[in-house]
Amino acid sequence: MNITTASIDQIDNMTQLREAVDQLDTELIELFRLRFACMDAAARIKQDRGAVRDEKRKAEVLANVKSLSQKAAIPAPTMAAIWEMLVETSISYEMQKWDQRRK
């Protein structure tokens, strides 16, 4: 099922709507899996453990999310909070992967 705003607008019952939400959740998990694969790659590429936490990059990512959220007309403060947790989790994950690779 290719879910679009137009296809959502055509849904007229909760069963179909829940199926669409479940499909989107599946797609989101796959995107998160790919994002964490990027953290695996970063742990492989970065030579210095101190480079794992990059506050400048974190600020850039959060600013991008706020801007994208505003353009998408979805709650930017909430999305920023979600991404704050995502970025911190990603840093922790990458740190663990960095350490594992260099044991």
C-alpha atoms as a PDB file:
ATOM      1  CA  MET A   1       0.000   0.000   0.000  1.00  0.00           C
ATOM      2  CA  ASN A   2       1.429   3.383  -1.013  1.00  0.00           C
ATOM      3  CA  ILE A   3       0.166   5.773   1.640  1.00  0.00           C
ATOM      4  CA  THR A   4      -0.228   9.407   0.679  1.00  0.00           C
ATOM      5  CA  THR A   5      -2.236  12.298   2.033  1.00  0.00           C
ATOM      6  CA  ALA A   6      -4.667  11.757  -0.838  1.00  0.00           C
ATOM      7  CA  SER A   7      -5.071   8.074   0.002  1.00  0.00           C
ATOM      8  CA  ILE A   8      -5.598   8.909   3.678  1.00  0.00           C
ATOM      9  CA  ASP A   9      -8.292  11.400   2.684  1.00  0.00           C
ATOM     10  CA  GLN A  10     -10.131   8.531   0.949  1.00  0.00           C
ATOM     11  CA  ILE A  11     -10.223   6.326   4.046  1.00  0.00           C
ATOM     12  CA  ASP A  12     -13.702   6.195   5.534  1.00  0.00           C
ATOM     13  CA  ASN A  13     -13.445   3.679   8.375  1.00  0.00           C
ATOM     14  CA  MET A  14     -11.241   3.048  11.374  1.00  0.00           C
ATOM     15  CA  THR A  15     -10.137  -0.409  10.250  1.00  0.00           C
ATOM     16  CA  GLN A  16      -8.558   1.000   7.101  1.00  0.00           C
ATOM     17  CA  LEU A  17      -7.128   3.944   9.005  1.00  0.00           C
ATOM     18  CA  ARG A  18      -5.518   1.645  11.576  1.00  0.00           C
ATOM     19  CA  GLU A  19      -4.066  -0.470   8.764  1.00  0.00           C
ATOM     20  CA  ALA A  20      -2.558   2.681   7.256  1.00  0.00           C
ATOM     21  CA  VAL A  21      -1.067   3.705  10.614  1.00  0.00           C
ATOM     22  CA  ASP A  22       0.356   0.202  11.111  1.00  0.00           C
ATOM     23  CA  GLN A  23       1.898   0.332   7.626  1.00  0.00           C
ATOM     24  CA  LEU A  24       3.443   3.733   8.362  1.00  0.00           C
ATOM     25  CA  ASP A  25       4.842   2.410  11.662  1.00  0.00           C
ATOM     26  CA  THR A  26       6.435  -0.477   9.762  1.00  0.00           C
ATOM     27  CA  GLU A  27       7.992   1.967   7.311  1.00  0.00           C
ATOM     28  CA  LEU A  28       9.216   4.214  10.138  1.00  0.00           C
ATOM     29  CA  ILE A  29      10.920   1.279  11.867  1.00  0.00           C
ATOM     30  CA  GLU A  30      12.687   0.413   8.616  1.00  0.00           C
ATOM     31  CA  LEU A  31      13.862   4.020   8.298  1.00  0.00           C
ATOM     32  CA  PHE A  32      15.117   3.961  11.891  1.00  0.00           C
ATOM     33  CA  ARG A  33      16.953   0.700  11.149  1.00  0.00           C
ATOM     34  CA  LEU A  34      18.694   2.451   8.269  1.00  0.00           C
ATOM     35  CA  ARG A  35      19.479   5.454  10.464  1.00  0.00           C
ATOM     36  CA  PHE A  36      21.118   3.186  13.032  1.00  0.00           C
ATOM     37  CA  ALA A  37      23.050   1.490  10.218  1.00  0.00           C
ATOM     38  CA  CYS A  38      24.475   4.965   9.591  1.00  0.00           C
ATOM     39  CA  MET A  39      25.563   5.048  13.238  1.00  0.00           C
ATOM     40  CA  ASP A  40      27.305   1.701  12.700  1.00  0.00           C
ATOM     41  CA  ALA A  41      29.121   3.240   9.731  1.00  0.00           C
ATOM     42  CA  ALA A  42      30.017   6.349  11.730  1.00  0.00           C
ATOM     43  CA  ALA A  43      31.515   4.164  14.471  1.00  0.00           C
ATOM     44  CA  ARG A  44      33.596   2.449  11.809  1.00  0.00           C
ATOM     45  CA  ILE A  45      34.701   5.683  10.113  1.00  0.00           C
ATOM     46  CA  LYS A  46      35.452   7.898  13.114  1.00  0.00           C
ATOM     47  CA  GLN A  47      38.974   7.298  14.383  1.00  0.00           C
ATOM     48  CA  ASP A  48      38.619   9.336  17.586  1.00  0.00           C
ATOM     49  CA  ARG A  49      36.082   8.311  20.241  1.00  0.00           C
ATOM     50  CA  GLY A  50      35.680  11.978  21.148  1.00  0.00           C
ATOM     51  CA  ALA A  51      34.292  12.629  17.661  1.00  0.00           C
ATOM     52  CA  VAL A  52      31.251  10.475  18.399  1.00  0.00           C
ATOM     53  CA  ARG A  53      29.596  13.309  20.327  1.00  0.00           C
ATOM     54  CA  ASP A  54      29.451  16.311  18.014  1.00  0.00           C
ATOM     55  CA  GLU A  55      27.352  19.054  19.598  1.00  0.00           C
ATOM     56  CA  LYS A  56      27.587  21.265  16.508  1.00  0.00           C
ATOM     57  CA  ARG A  57      26.173  18.477  14.331  1.00  0.00           C
ATOM     58  CA  LYS A  58      23.503  17.700  16.928  1.00  0.00           C
ATOM     59  CA  ALA A  59      22.353  21.335  16.881  1.00  0.00           C
ATOM     60  CA  GLU A  60      22.296  21.259  13.083  1.00  0.00           C
ATOM     61  CA  VAL A  61      20.160  18.093  13.021  1.00  0.00           C
ATOM     62  CA  LEU A  62      17.693  19.532  15.545  1.00  0.00           C
ATOM     63  CA  ALA A  63      17.439  22.819  13.628  1.00  0.00           C
ATOM     64  CA  ASN A  64      16.792  20.873  10.427  1.00  0.00           C
ATOM     65  CA  VAL A  65      14.037  18.854  12.103  1.00  0.00           C
ATOM     66  CA  LYS A  66      12.375  21.982  13.459  1.00  0.00           C
ATOM     67  CA  SER A  67      12.442  23.596  10.031  1.00  0.00           C
ATOM     68  CA  LEU A  68      11.163  20.482   8.264  1.00  0.00           C
ATOM     69  CA  SER A  69       8.414  20.068  10.858  1.00  0.00           C
ATOM     70  CA  GLN A  70       7.269  23.643  10.448  1.00  0.00           C
ATOM     71  CA  LYS A  71       7.186  23.251   6.648  1.00  0.00           C
ATOM     72  CA  ALA A  72       5.202  20.027   7.058  1.00  0.00           C
ATOM     73  CA  ALA A  73       2.758  21.780   9.402  1.00  0.00           C
ATOM     74  CA  ILE A  74       3.309  19.285  12.214  1.00  0.00           C
ATOM     75  CA  PRO A  75       4.188  20.182  15.833  1.00  0.00           C
ATOM     76  CA  ALA A  76       7.814  21.341  15.643  1.00  0.00           C
ATOM     77  CA  PRO A  77       8.443  21.390  19.432  1.00  0.00           C
ATOM     78  CA  THR A  78       7.240  17.798  19.737  1.00  0.00           C
ATOM     79  CA  MET A  79       9.279  16.648  16.756  1.00  0.00           C
ATOM     80  CA  ALA A  80      12.346  18.414  18.174  1.00  0.00           C
ATOM     81  CA  ALA A  81      11.841  16.596  21.494  1.00  0.00           C
ATOM     82  CA  ILE A  82      11.515  13.253  19.702  1.00  0.00           C
ATOM     83  CA  TRP A  83      14.661  13.973  17.703  1.00  0.00           C
ATOM     84  CA  GLU A  84      16.534  15.057  20.827  1.00  0.00           C
ATOM     85  CA  MET A  85      15.866  11.588  22.234  1.00  0.00           C
ATOM     86  CA  LEU A  86      16.718   9.969  18.891  1.00  0.00           C
ATOM     87  CA  VAL A  87      20.021  11.823  18.607  1.00  0.00           C
ATOM     88  CA  GLU A  88      21.027  11.048  22.198  1.00  0.00           C
ATOM     89  CA  THR A  89      20.112   7.399  21.690  1.00  0.00           C
ATOM     90  CA  SER A  90      22.079   7.381  18.436  1.00  0.00           C
ATOM     91  CA  ILE A  91      25.132   8.844  20.163  1.00  0.00           C
ATOM     92  CA  SER A  92      24.960   6.214  22.903  1.00  0.00           C
ATOM     93  CA  TYR A  93      24.508   3.454  20.315  1.00  0.00           C
ATOM     94  CA  GLU A  94      27.393   4.749  18.210  1.00  0.00           C
ATOM     95  CA  MET A  95      29.628   4.995  21.293  1.00  0.00           C
ATOM     96  CA  GLN A  96      28.896   1.341  22.120  1.00  0.00           C
ATOM     97  CA  LYS A  97      29.622   0.304  18.529  1.00  0.00           C
ATOM     98  CA  TRP A  98      32.825   2.382  18.500  1.00  0.00           C
ATOM     99  CA  ASP A  99      34.016   0.637  21.668  1.00  0.00           C
ATOM    100  CA  GLN A 100      33.051  -2.828  20.365  1.00  0.00           C
ATOM    101  CA  ARG A 101      35.011  -2.309  17.150  1.00  0.00           C
ATOM    102  CA  ARG A 102      38.165  -1.364  19.032  1.00  0.00           C
ATOM    103  CA  LYS A 103      38.321  -4.017  21.767  1.00  0.00           C
END
